[in-house]
Amino acid sequence: MNVFIFGLGFSALAAVEAFAGIGEPVHVAGTVRTAEKAAALRARGIAAHVFDGTAPGPTLGPDLRRASHVVFSIAPGSAGDPALAHHRADLDAAPELEWLCYYSTVGVYGDFGGSWIDETAPLVPRNERSDRRVLAEDEWRDYASERGVPLAILRLAGIYGPGRSSFDKLADGTARRVIKPGQVFNRIHVADIGRVTALAAQKRLAGTFNLADDEPAPPQDLVRFAADLAGVEPPPEVAFDVADMTPMQRSFYADNKRVSNVAIKQALEIELLYPTFRDGLSAIFSEESA
């Protein structure tokens, strides 16, 4: 299997780790935004190329044209998906291409007042970044249809994992318990993203799937649980209306929904590694305390 990943960041590197454990030879190549990051990944055996999304990556063509499985983990811009804009010809020239995967977001759904939704829910995005995701999903569906290649769109909930969790916010003093009555969010542990990506690649899974945990919960509950595990005092509660937040931070609270993950679990015949935030945070605490 020759895997190419646009955007070797937090989630995609978890997929690289999962690919390494599938029991067959896997060659991984992909992109990062800087030469320094590319050098660091090449030292780990990953064929990393520089691509910042504003112009074609000068060195990535040969690896992309060899790819059998391609994962897209970069944010779309105002002109659409950068990978498709700058490297469509390389994808067209990939004779062994057999599967595409696009990391989208549950933000494409917009607000449902806390109700449960699944993949059949209408898309009513409430900000520009989610609007762009909807358009990028459509771009990749059109391309996959033209090529006759299966495409899996994974709509990701809020991502957390080692080095990027409530423990880090508690440690650096940025954790807050913002209270907005009735507000809940789904999350997804980065290891579940990696595992699902690798399993979906093996199966050449096609379709659109939510990738979220089993238990949407108020955001303040995560902070309190992490503080209890760490043995530290949680930050005080503050009402949403008076909380000091950036416009982007506040925008996340405009969407309130409970996202079902039944479809992806049925398609891959799995349960999540970390079905609740308690499972995920407990594992992170154990790992980071070792």
C-alpha atoms as a PDB file:
ATOM      1  CA  MET A   1       0.000   0.000   0.000  1.00  0.00           C
ATOM      2  CA  ASN A   2       1.367   3.412  -1.018  1.00  0.00           C
ATOM      3  CA  VAL A   3      -0.243   6.102   1.135  1.00  0.00           C
ATOM      4  CA  PHE A   4       0.004   9.823   0.455  1.00  0.00           C
ATOM      5  CA  ILE A   5      -1.302  12.279   3.049  1.00  0.00           C
ATOM      6  CA  PHE A   6      -1.842  15.958   2.396  1.00  0.00           C
ATOM      7  CA  GLY A   7      -1.281  17.586   5.787  1.00  0.00           C
ATOM      8  CA  LEU A   8       0.875  15.472   8.110  1.00  0.00           C
ATOM      9  CA  GLY A   9      -0.434  17.072  11.279  1.00  0.00           C
ATOM     10  CA  PHE A  10      -1.836  15.792  14.561  1.00  0.00           C
ATOM     11  CA  SER A  11      -4.601  13.577  13.158  1.00  0.00           C
ATOM     12  CA  ALA A  12      -2.745  12.390  10.074  1.00  0.00           C
ATOM     13  CA  LEU A  13       0.298  11.318  12.075  1.00  0.00           C
ATOM     14  CA  ALA A  14      -2.006   9.137  14.169  1.00  0.00           C
ATOM     15  CA  ALA A  15      -3.106   7.563  10.895  1.00  0.00           C
ATOM     16  CA  VAL A  16       0.546   6.984   9.952  1.00  0.00           C
ATOM     17  CA  GLU A  17       1.010   5.129  13.238  1.00  0.00           C
ATOM     18  CA  ALA A  18      -2.109   3.057  12.588  1.00  0.00           C
ATOM     19  CA  PHE A  19      -1.003   2.189   9.051  1.00  0.00           C
ATOM     20  CA  ALA A  20       2.244   0.848  10.500  1.00  0.00           C
ATOM     21  CA  GLY A  21       0.266  -1.744  12.435  1.00  0.00           C
ATOM     22  CA  ILE A  22      -2.029  -3.163   9.749  1.00  0.00           C
ATOM     23  CA  GLY A  23       0.161  -6.159   8.978  1.00  0.00           C
ATOM     24  CA  GLU A  24       1.208  -5.336   5.432  1.00  0.00           C
ATOM     25  CA  PRO A  25       3.973  -3.174   3.951  1.00  0.00           C
ATOM     26  CA  VAL A  26       2.962   0.485   3.798  1.00  0.00           C
ATOM     27  CA  HIS A  27       4.979   3.302   2.267  1.00  0.00           C
ATOM     28  CA  VAL A  28       3.906   6.703   3.595  1.00  0.00           C
ATOM     29  CA  ALA A  29       4.552  10.048   1.948  1.00  0.00           C
ATOM     30  CA  GLY A  30       2.869  13.370   2.496  1.00  0.00           C
ATOM     31  CA  THR A  31       3.083  17.095   2.998  1.00  0.00           C
ATOM     32  CA  VAL A  32       3.905  19.647   5.669  1.00  0.00           C
ATOM     33  CA  ARG A  33       4.100  23.420   5.457  1.00  0.00           C
ATOM     34  CA  THR A  34       7.781  23.983   6.288  1.00  0.00           C
ATOM     35  CA  ALA A  35      11.162  22.528   5.394  1.00  0.00           C
ATOM     36  CA  GLU A  36      11.959  22.069   9.088  1.00  0.00           C
ATOM     37  CA  LYS A  37       8.928  19.849   9.639  1.00  0.00           C
ATOM     38  CA  ALA A  38       9.704  17.922   6.467  1.00  0.00           C
ATOM     39  CA  ALA A  39      13.238  17.202   7.657  1.00  0.00           C
ATOM     40  CA  ALA A  40      11.980  16.006  11.041  1.00  0.00           C
ATOM     41  CA  LEU A  41       9.522  13.595   9.435  1.00  0.00           C
ATOM     42  CA  ARG A  42      12.038  12.310   6.919  1.00  0.00           C
ATOM     43  CA  ALA A  43      14.237  11.400   9.884  1.00  0.00           C
ATOM     44  CA  ARG A  44      11.328   9.194  11.019  1.00  0.00           C
ATOM     45  CA  GLY A  45      11.119   7.418   7.670  1.00  0.00           C
ATOM     46  CA  ILE A  46       8.222   9.440   6.231  1.00  0.00           C
ATOM     47  CA  ALA A  47       8.749  10.879   2.746  1.00  0.00           C
ATOM     48  CA  ALA A  48       7.670  14.409   3.622  1.00  0.00           C
ATOM     49  CA  HIS A  49       7.381  17.203   1.060  1.00  0.00           C
ATOM     50  CA  VAL A  50       6.775  20.923   1.518  1.00  0.00           C
ATOM     51  CA  PHE A  51       3.367  22.165   0.344  1.00  0.00           C
ATOM     52  CA  ASP A  52       1.819  25.267   1.886  1.00  0.00           C
ATOM     53  CA  GLY A  53      -1.330  25.266  -0.218  1.00  0.00           C
ATOM     54  CA  THR A  54      -0.544  28.464  -2.117  1.00  0.00           C
ATOM     55  CA  ALA A  55       1.452  26.897  -4.963  1.00  0.00           C
ATOM     56  CA  PRO A  56       2.266  23.392  -6.203  1.00  0.00           C
ATOM     57  CA  GLY A  57       4.661  21.411  -4.049  1.00  0.00           C
ATOM     58  CA  PRO A  58       7.826  21.194  -6.165  1.00  0.00           C
ATOM     59  CA  THR A  59       8.919  17.710  -5.072  1.00  0.00           C
ATOM     60  CA  LEU A  60       5.785  15.745  -4.226  1.00  0.00           C
ATOM     61  CA  GLY A  61       4.633  14.740  -7.713  1.00  0.00           C
ATOM     62  CA  PRO A  62       6.426  11.384  -8.035  1.00  0.00           C
ATOM     63  CA  ASP A  63       5.226  10.111  -4.641  1.00  0.00           C
ATOM     64  CA  LEU A  64       1.659  11.275  -5.286  1.00  0.00           C
ATOM     65  CA  ARG A  65       1.577   9.625  -8.705  1.00  0.00           C
ATOM     66  CA  ARG A  66       2.639   6.332  -7.074  1.00  0.00           C
ATOM     67  CA  ALA A  67      -0.100   6.498  -4.440  1.00  0.00           C
ATOM     68  CA  SER A  68      -2.781   3.866  -4.048  1.00  0.00           C
ATOM     69  CA  HIS A  69      -4.474   5.580  -1.069  1.00  0.00           C
ATOM     70  CA  VAL A  70      -4.634   9.355  -0.566  1.00  0.00           C
ATOM     71  CA  VAL A  71      -5.800  11.168   2.580  1.00  0.00           C
ATOM     72  CA  PHE A  72      -6.601  14.886   2.627  1.00  0.00           C
ATOM     73  CA  SER A  73      -6.115  16.600   5.973  1.00  0.00           C
ATOM     74  CA  ILE A  74      -5.669  20.252   5.059  1.00  0.00           C
ATOM     75  CA  ALA A  75      -8.178  23.061   5.405  1.00  0.00           C
ATOM     76  CA  PRO A  76      -9.787  24.419   2.245  1.00  0.00           C
ATOM     77  CA  GLY A  77      -9.175  28.004   1.223  1.00  0.00           C
ATOM     78  CA  SER A  78     -11.395  30.544  -0.457  1.00  0.00           C
ATOM     79  CA  ALA A  79     -10.534  28.977  -3.831  1.00  0.00           C
ATOM     80  CA  GLY A  80     -11.419  25.450  -2.728  1.00  0.00           C
ATOM     81  CA  ASP A  81      -9.280  22.524  -1.711  1.00  0.00           C
ATOM     82  CA  PRO A  82      -5.576  23.324  -2.237  1.00  0.00           C
ATOM     83  CA  ALA A  83      -4.601  19.748  -3.055  1.00  0.00           C
ATOM     84  CA  LEU A  84      -7.130  19.534  -5.857  1.00  0.00           C
ATOM     85  CA  ALA A  85      -6.338  23.042  -7.074  1.00  0.00           C
ATOM     86  CA  HIS A  86      -2.595  22.457  -7.365  1.00  0.00           C
ATOM     87  CA  HIS A  87      -2.157  18.702  -7.814  1.00  0.00           C
ATOM     88  CA  ARG A  88      -5.150  17.419  -9.733  1.00  0.00           C
ATOM     89  CA  ALA A  89      -2.904  16.501 -12.653  1.00  0.00           C
ATOM     90  CA  ASP A  90      -0.738  14.342 -10.390  1.00  0.00           C
ATOM     91  CA  LEU A  91      -3.825  12.580  -9.047  1.00  0.00           C
ATOM     92  CA  ASP A  92      -5.052  12.078 -12.604  1.00  0.00           C
ATOM     93  CA  ALA A  93      -1.684  10.481 -13.400  1.00  0.00           C
ATOM     94  CA  ALA A  94      -1.807   8.035 -10.478  1.00  0.00           C
ATOM     95  CA  PRO A  95      -2.579   4.709 -12.222  1.00  0.00           C
ATOM     96  CA  GLU A  96      -2.807   2.677  -9.011  1.00  0.00           C
ATOM     97  CA  LEU A  97      -5.123   5.074  -7.166  1.00  0.00           C
ATOM     98  CA  GLU A  98      -7.821   3.026  -5.452  1.00  0.00           C
ATOM     99  CA  TRP A  99      -9.082   5.049  -2.459  1.00  0.00           C
ATOM    100  CA  LEU A 100      -9.510   8.645  -1.306  1.00  0.00           C
ATOM    101  CA  CYS A 101     -10.253   9.953   2.175  1.00  0.00           C
ATOM    102  CA  TYR A 102     -11.202  13.506   3.139  1.00  0.00           C
ATOM    103  CA  TYR A 103     -11.144  14.778   6.729  1.00  0.00           C
ATOM    104  CA  SER A 104     -14.088  17.146   7.114  1.00  0.00           C
ATOM    105  CA  THR A 105     -15.812  18.394  10.272  1.00  0.00           C
ATOM    106  CA  VAL A 106     -19.124  18.020  12.090  1.00  0.00           C
ATOM    107  CA  GLY A 107     -19.246  21.814  11.832  1.00  0.00           C
ATOM    108  CA  VAL A 108     -20.858  21.381   8.405  1.00  0.00           C
ATOM    109  CA  TYR A 109     -24.161  20.570  10.123  1.00  0.00           C
ATOM    110  CA  GLY A 110     -24.546  23.829  12.021  1.00  0.00           C
ATOM    111  CA  ASP A 111     -26.860  24.120  15.020  1.00  0.00           C
ATOM    112  CA  PHE A 112     -29.554  21.608  15.989  1.00  0.00           C
ATOM    113  CA  GLY A 113     -30.406  22.878  19.458  1.00  0.00           C
ATOM    114  CA  GLY A 114     -28.789  19.917  21.180  1.00  0.00           C
ATOM    115  CA  SER A 115     -30.726  17.269  19.232  1.00  0.00           C
ATOM    116  CA  TRP A 116     -29.201  14.020  17.988  1.00  0.00           C
ATOM    117  CA  ILE A 117     -28.231  14.019  14.314  1.00  0.00           C
ATOM    118  CA  ASP A 118     -26.727  11.530  11.877  1.00  0.00           C
ATOM    119  CA  GLU A 119     -25.313  11.777   8.371  1.00  0.00           C
ATOM    120  CA  THR A 120     -28.776  12.387   6.885  1.00  0.00           C
ATOM    121  CA  ALA A 121     -29.131  15.745   8.659  1.00  0.00           C
ATOM    122  CA  PRO A 122     -29.216  18.820   6.410  1.00  0.00           C
ATOM    123  CA  LEU A 123     -26.051  20.884   6.182  1.00  0.00           C
ATOM    124  CA  VAL A 124     -26.586  24.389   7.554  1.00  0.00           C
ATOM    125  CA  PRO A 125     -23.082  25.676   8.331  1.00  0.00           C
ATOM    126  CA  ARG A 126     -22.970  28.888  10.334  1.00  0.00           C
ATOM    127  CA  ASN A 127     -19.502  30.234   9.549  1.00  0.00           C
ATOM    128  CA  GLU A 128     -17.150  30.622   6.610  1.00  0.00           C
ATOM    129  CA  ARG A 129     -14.759  27.833   7.588  1.00  0.00           C
ATOM    130  CA  SER A 130     -17.630  25.312   7.664  1.00  0.00           C
ATOM    131  CA  ASP A 131     -19.038  26.686   4.399  1.00  0.00           C
ATOM    132  CA  ARG A 132     -15.681  25.949   2.817  1.00  0.00           C
ATOM    133  CA  ARG A 133     -15.736  22.398   4.153  1.00  0.00           C
ATOM    134  CA  VAL A 134     -19.112  21.763   2.516  1.00  0.00           C
ATOM    135  CA  LEU A 135     -17.767  22.998  -0.809  1.00  0.00           C
ATOM    136  CA  ALA A 136     -14.600  20.912  -0.440  1.00  0.00           C
ATOM    137  CA  GLU A 137     -16.647  17.785   0.291  1.00  0.00           C
ATOM    138  CA  ASP A 138     -18.537  18.367  -2.951  1.00  0.00           C
ATOM    139  CA  GLU A 139     -15.301  18.934  -4.875  1.00  0.00           C
ATOM    140  CA  TRP A 140     -13.921  15.606  -3.732  1.00  0.00           C
ATOM    141  CA  ARG A 141     -17.178  13.770  -4.399  1.00  0.00           C
ATOM    142  CA  ASP A 142     -17.140  15.092  -7.952  1.00  0.00           C
ATOM    143  CA  TYR A 143     -13.517  14.117  -8.445  1.00  0.00           C
ATOM    144  CA  ALA A 144     -13.976  10.633  -6.985  1.00  0.00           C
ATOM    145  CA  SER A 145     -16.983  10.098  -9.232  1.00  0.00           C
ATOM    146  CA  GLU A 146     -15.021  11.194 -12.301  1.00  0.00           C
ATOM    147  CA  ARG A 147     -12.166   8.835 -11.439  1.00  0.00           C
ATOM    148  CA  GLY A 148     -14.403   5.973 -10.373  1.00  0.00           C
ATOM    149  CA  VAL A 149     -12.531   5.734  -7.066  1.00  0.00           C
ATOM    150  CA  PRO A 150     -14.186   5.180  -3.654  1.00  0.00           C
ATOM    151  CA  LEU A 151     -14.142   8.213  -1.355  1.00  0.00           C
ATOM    152  CA  ALA A 152     -14.610   8.208   2.416  1.00  0.00           C
ATOM    153  CA  ILE A 153     -15.502  11.557   3.963  1.00  0.00           C
ATOM    154  CA  LEU A 154     -14.892  11.522   7.710  1.00  0.00           C
ATOM    155  CA  ARG A 155     -16.640  14.353   9.539  1.00  0.00           C
ATOM    156  CA  LEU A 156     -14.538  14.783  12.655  1.00  0.00           C
ATOM    157  CA  ALA A 157     -15.689  16.069  16.022  1.00  0.00           C
ATOM    158  CA  GLY A 158     -13.387  18.086  18.290  1.00  0.00           C
ATOM    159  CA  ILE A 159      -9.996  16.366  18.285  1.00  0.00           C
ATOM    160  CA  TYR A 160      -7.990  15.662  21.421  1.00  0.00           C
ATOM    161  CA  GLY A 161      -5.145  13.387  22.448  1.00  0.00           C
ATOM    162  CA  PRO A 162      -1.772  13.310  24.182  1.00  0.00           C
ATOM    163  CA  GLY A 163      -0.246  16.769  24.087  1.00  0.00           C
ATOM    164  CA  ARG A 164      -3.564  18.343  23.092  1.00  0.00           C
ATOM    165  CA  SER A 165      -6.089  17.912  25.878  1.00  0.00           C
ATOM    166  CA  SER A 166      -7.557  19.535  28.974  1.00  0.00           C
ATOM    167  CA  PHE A 167      -4.400  18.574  30.869  1.00  0.00           C
ATOM    168  CA  ASP A 168      -2.323  20.878  28.681  1.00  0.00           C
ATOM    169  CA  LYS A 169      -4.765  23.739  29.212  1.00  0.00           C
ATOM    170  CA  LEU A 170      -4.710  23.176  32.963  1.00  0.00           C
ATOM    171  CA  ALA A 171      -0.907  23.172  32.880  1.00  0.00           C
ATOM    172  CA  ASP A 172      -0.565  26.395  30.895  1.00  0.00           C
ATOM    173  CA  GLY A 173      -3.371  28.238  32.660  1.00  0.00           C
ATOM    174  CA  THR A 174      -5.738  28.494  29.692  1.00  0.00           C
ATOM    175  CA  ALA A 175      -8.364  26.001  30.925  1.00  0.00           C
ATOM    176  CA  ARG A 176     -11.770  27.525  31.604  1.00  0.00           C
ATOM    177  CA  ARG A 177     -15.145  26.241  32.642  1.00  0.00           C
ATOM    178  CA  VAL A 178     -17.500  28.253  30.466  1.00  0.00           C
ATOM    179  CA  ILE A 179     -21.111  27.540  31.347  1.00  0.00           C
ATOM    180  CA  LYS A 180     -23.756  27.765  28.647  1.00  0.00           C
ATOM    181  CA  PRO A 181     -26.834  25.840  29.834  1.00  0.00           C
ATOM    182  CA  GLY A 182     -27.670  22.911  27.573  1.00  0.00           C
ATOM    183  CA  GLN A 183     -24.484  23.198  25.510  1.00  0.00           C
ATOM    184  CA  VAL A 184     -22.775  19.933  24.559  1.00  0.00           C
ATOM    185  CA  PHE A 185     -19.979  18.915  22.221  1.00  0.00           C
ATOM    186  CA  ASN A 186     -18.779  15.625  20.810  1.00  0.00           C
ATOM    187  CA  ARG A 187     -15.086  14.870  20.701  1.00  0.00           C
ATOM    188  CA  ILE A 188     -12.873  12.225  19.144  1.00  0.00           C
ATOM    189  CA  HIS A 189      -9.567  10.864  20.385  1.00  0.00           C
ATOM    190  CA  VAL A 190      -6.810  11.178  17.816  1.00  0.00           C
ATOM    191  CA  ALA A 191      -6.019   7.455  18.093  1.00  0.00           C
ATOM    192  CA  ASP A 192      -9.564   6.658  16.960  1.00  0.00           C
ATOM    193  CA  ILE A 193      -9.084   8.881  13.923  1.00  0.00           C
ATOM    194  CA  GLY A 194      -5.904   7.025  13.042  1.00  0.00           C
ATOM    195  CA  ARG A 195      -7.414   3.590  13.540  1.00  0.00           C
ATOM    196  CA  VAL A 196     -10.566   4.355  11.559  1.00  0.00           C
ATOM    197  CA  THR A 197      -8.522   5.806   8.700  1.00  0.00           C
ATOM    198  CA  ALA A 198      -6.346   2.704   8.432  1.00  0.00           C
ATOM    199  CA  LEU A 199      -9.293   0.309   8.662  1.00  0.00           C
ATOM    200  CA  ALA A 200     -11.279   2.307   6.114  1.00  0.00           C
ATOM    201  CA  ALA A 201      -8.288   2.291   3.758  1.00  0.00           C
ATOM    202  CA  GLN A 202      -7.961  -1.476   3.961  1.00  0.00           C
ATOM    203  CA  LYS A 203     -11.658  -1.865   3.225  1.00  0.00           C
ATOM    204  CA  ARG A 204     -11.693   0.932   0.618  1.00  0.00           C
ATOM    205  CA  LEU A 205     -14.701   2.289   2.468  1.00  0.00           C
ATOM    206  CA  ALA A 206     -16.905   4.711   0.555  1.00  0.00           C
ATOM    207  CA  GLY A 207     -19.449   7.158   1.928  1.00  0.00           C
ATOM    208  CA  THR A 208     -19.826  10.000   4.399  1.00  0.00           C
ATOM    209  CA  PHE A 209     -19.412   9.204   8.081  1.00  0.00           C
ATOM    210  CA  ASN A 210     -19.398  11.052  11.366  1.00  0.00           C
ATOM    211  CA  LEU A 211     -16.394  10.292  13.548  1.00  0.00           C
ATOM    212  CA  ALA A 212     -17.335  11.364  17.049  1.00  0.00           C
ATOM    213  CA  ASP A 213     -17.425   9.796  20.484  1.00  0.00           C
ATOM    214  CA  ASP A 214     -20.393   8.018  22.039  1.00  0.00           C
ATOM    215  CA  GLU A 215     -21.177  10.648  24.667  1.00  0.00           C
ATOM    216  CA  PRO A 216     -21.578  14.335  23.838  1.00  0.00           C
ATOM    217  CA  ALA A 217     -21.002  16.317  27.011  1.00  0.00           C
ATOM    218  CA  PRO A 218     -20.782  19.873  28.362  1.00  0.00           C
ATOM    219  CA  PRO A 219     -17.257  21.255  27.861  1.00  0.00           C
ATOM    220  CA  GLN A 220     -16.864  22.157  31.521  1.00  0.00           C
ATOM    221  CA  ASP A 221     -17.219  18.487  32.461  1.00  0.00           C
ATOM    222  CA  LEU A 222     -13.946  17.644  30.690  1.00  0.00           C
ATOM    223  CA  VAL A 223     -12.051  20.324  32.554  1.00  0.00           C
ATOM    224  CA  ARG A 224     -13.410  19.188  35.897  1.00  0.00           C
ATOM    225  CA  PHE A 225     -12.665  15.516  35.172  1.00  0.00           C
ATOM    226  CA  ALA A 226      -9.107  16.302  34.062  1.00  0.00           C
ATOM    227  CA  ALA A 227      -8.515  18.481  37.118  1.00  0.00           C
ATOM    228  CA  ASP A 228      -9.737  15.715  39.414  1.00  0.00           C
ATOM    229  CA  LEU A 229      -7.403  13.200  37.747  1.00  0.00           C
ATOM    230  CA  ALA A 230      -4.462  15.589  37.965  1.00  0.00           C
ATOM    231  CA  GLY A 231      -5.219  16.485  41.571  1.00  0.00           C
ATOM    232  CA  VAL A 232      -5.460  20.212  40.880  1.00  0.00           C
ATOM    233  CA  GLU A 233      -8.126  22.802  41.536  1.00  0.00           C
ATOM    234  CA  PRO A 234     -10.335  23.371  38.485  1.00  0.00           C
ATOM    235  CA  PRO A 235     -10.754  26.930  37.244  1.00  0.00           C
ATOM    236  CA  PRO A 236     -13.867  28.758  38.422  1.00  0.00           C
ATOM    237  CA  GLU A 237     -17.060  28.553  36.431  1.00  0.00           C
ATOM    238  CA  VAL A 238     -17.849  31.566  34.257  1.00  0.00           C
ATOM    239  CA  ALA A 239     -21.085  32.284  32.412  1.00  0.00           C
ATOM    240  CA  PHE A 240     -20.890  32.183  28.624  1.00  0.00           C
ATOM    241  CA  ASP A 241     -22.420  35.652  28.279  1.00  0.00           C
ATOM    242  CA  VAL A 242     -19.571  37.293  30.195  1.00  0.00           C
ATOM    243  CA  ALA A 243     -16.703  34.925  29.348  1.00  0.00           C
ATOM    244  CA  ASP A 244     -13.643  36.537  27.775  1.00  0.00           C
ATOM    245  CA  MET A 245     -13.336  34.647  24.483  1.00  0.00           C
ATOM    246  CA  THR A 246     -12.124  35.388  20.995  1.00  0.00           C
ATOM    247  CA  PRO A 247     -14.736  35.560  18.229  1.00  0.00           C
ATOM    248  CA  MET A 248     -13.558  32.158  16.955  1.00  0.00           C
ATOM    249  CA  GLN A 249     -13.809  30.574  20.418  1.00  0.00           C
ATOM    250  CA  ARG A 250     -17.290  32.019  20.849  1.00  0.00           C
ATOM    251  CA  SER A 251     -18.342  30.798  17.396  1.00  0.00           C
ATOM    252  CA  PHE A 252     -17.977  27.154  18.429  1.00  0.00           C
ATOM    253  CA  TYR A 253     -20.741  27.643  20.996  1.00  0.00           C
ATOM    254  CA  ALA A 254     -23.142  28.736  18.243  1.00  0.00           C
ATOM    255  CA  ASP A 255     -23.535  25.070  17.248  1.00  0.00           C
ATOM    256  CA  ASN A 256     -25.180  22.670  19.685  1.00  0.00           C
ATOM    257  CA  LYS A 257     -25.839  19.099  18.605  1.00  0.00           C
ATOM    258  CA  ARG A 258     -25.356  15.477  19.561  1.00  0.00           C
ATOM    259  CA  VAL A 259     -23.601  13.655  16.723  1.00  0.00           C
ATOM    260  CA  SER A 260     -24.293   9.962  16.131  1.00  0.00           C
ATOM    261  CA  ASN A 261     -21.372   7.684  15.248  1.00  0.00           C
ATOM    262  CA  VAL A 262     -23.445   4.564  14.587  1.00  0.00           C
ATOM    263  CA  ALA A 263     -22.788   4.485  10.834  1.00  0.00           C
ATOM    264  CA  ILE A 264     -18.984   4.319  10.985  1.00  0.00           C
ATOM    265  CA  LYS A 265     -19.028   1.708  13.750  1.00  0.00           C
ATOM    266  CA  GLN A 266     -21.390  -0.462  11.740  1.00  0.00           C
ATOM    267  CA  ALA A 267     -19.457   0.012   8.492  1.00  0.00           C
ATOM    268  CA  LEU A 268     -16.169  -1.074  10.063  1.00  0.00           C
ATOM    269  CA  GLU A 269     -17.691  -3.445  12.654  1.00  0.00           C
ATOM    270  CA  ILE A 270     -15.853  -1.769  15.529  1.00  0.00           C
ATOM    271  CA  GLU A 271     -16.297   0.058  18.785  1.00  0.00           C
ATOM    272  CA  LEU A 272     -14.182   3.114  19.498  1.00  0.00           C
ATOM    273  CA  LEU A 273     -10.974   2.781  21.472  1.00  0.00           C
ATOM    274  CA  TYR A 274     -12.083   5.749  23.594  1.00  0.00           C
ATOM    275  CA  PRO A 275     -15.884   5.959  23.459  1.00  0.00           C
ATOM    276  CA  THR A 276     -16.183   8.721  26.091  1.00  0.00           C
ATOM    277  CA  PHE A 277     -14.079  11.658  27.199  1.00  0.00           C
ATOM    278  CA  ARG A 278     -13.499   9.868  30.493  1.00  0.00           C
ATOM    279  CA  ASP A 279     -11.929   6.907  28.688  1.00  0.00           C
ATOM    280  CA  GLY A 280      -9.750   9.175  26.586  1.00  0.00           C
ATOM    281  CA  LEU A 281      -8.622  11.513  29.351  1.00  0.00           C
ATOM    282  CA  SER A 282      -7.895   8.608  31.699  1.00  0.00           C
ATOM    283  CA  ALA A 283      -5.657   7.013  29.062  1.00  0.00           C
ATOM    284  CA  ILE A 284      -3.885  10.306  28.374  1.00  0.00           C
ATOM    285  CA  PHE A 285      -3.306  10.866  32.089  1.00  0.00           C
ATOM    286  CA  SER A 286      -1.824   7.391  32.477  1.00  0.00           C
ATOM    287  CA  GLU A 287       0.430   7.863  29.439  1.00  0.00           C
ATOM    288  CA  GLU A 288       1.624  11.330  30.385  1.00  0.00           C
ATOM    289  CA  SER A 289       2.161  10.366  34.025  1.00  0.00           C
ATOM    290  CA  ALA A 290       4.291   7.317  33.216  1.00  0.00           C
END
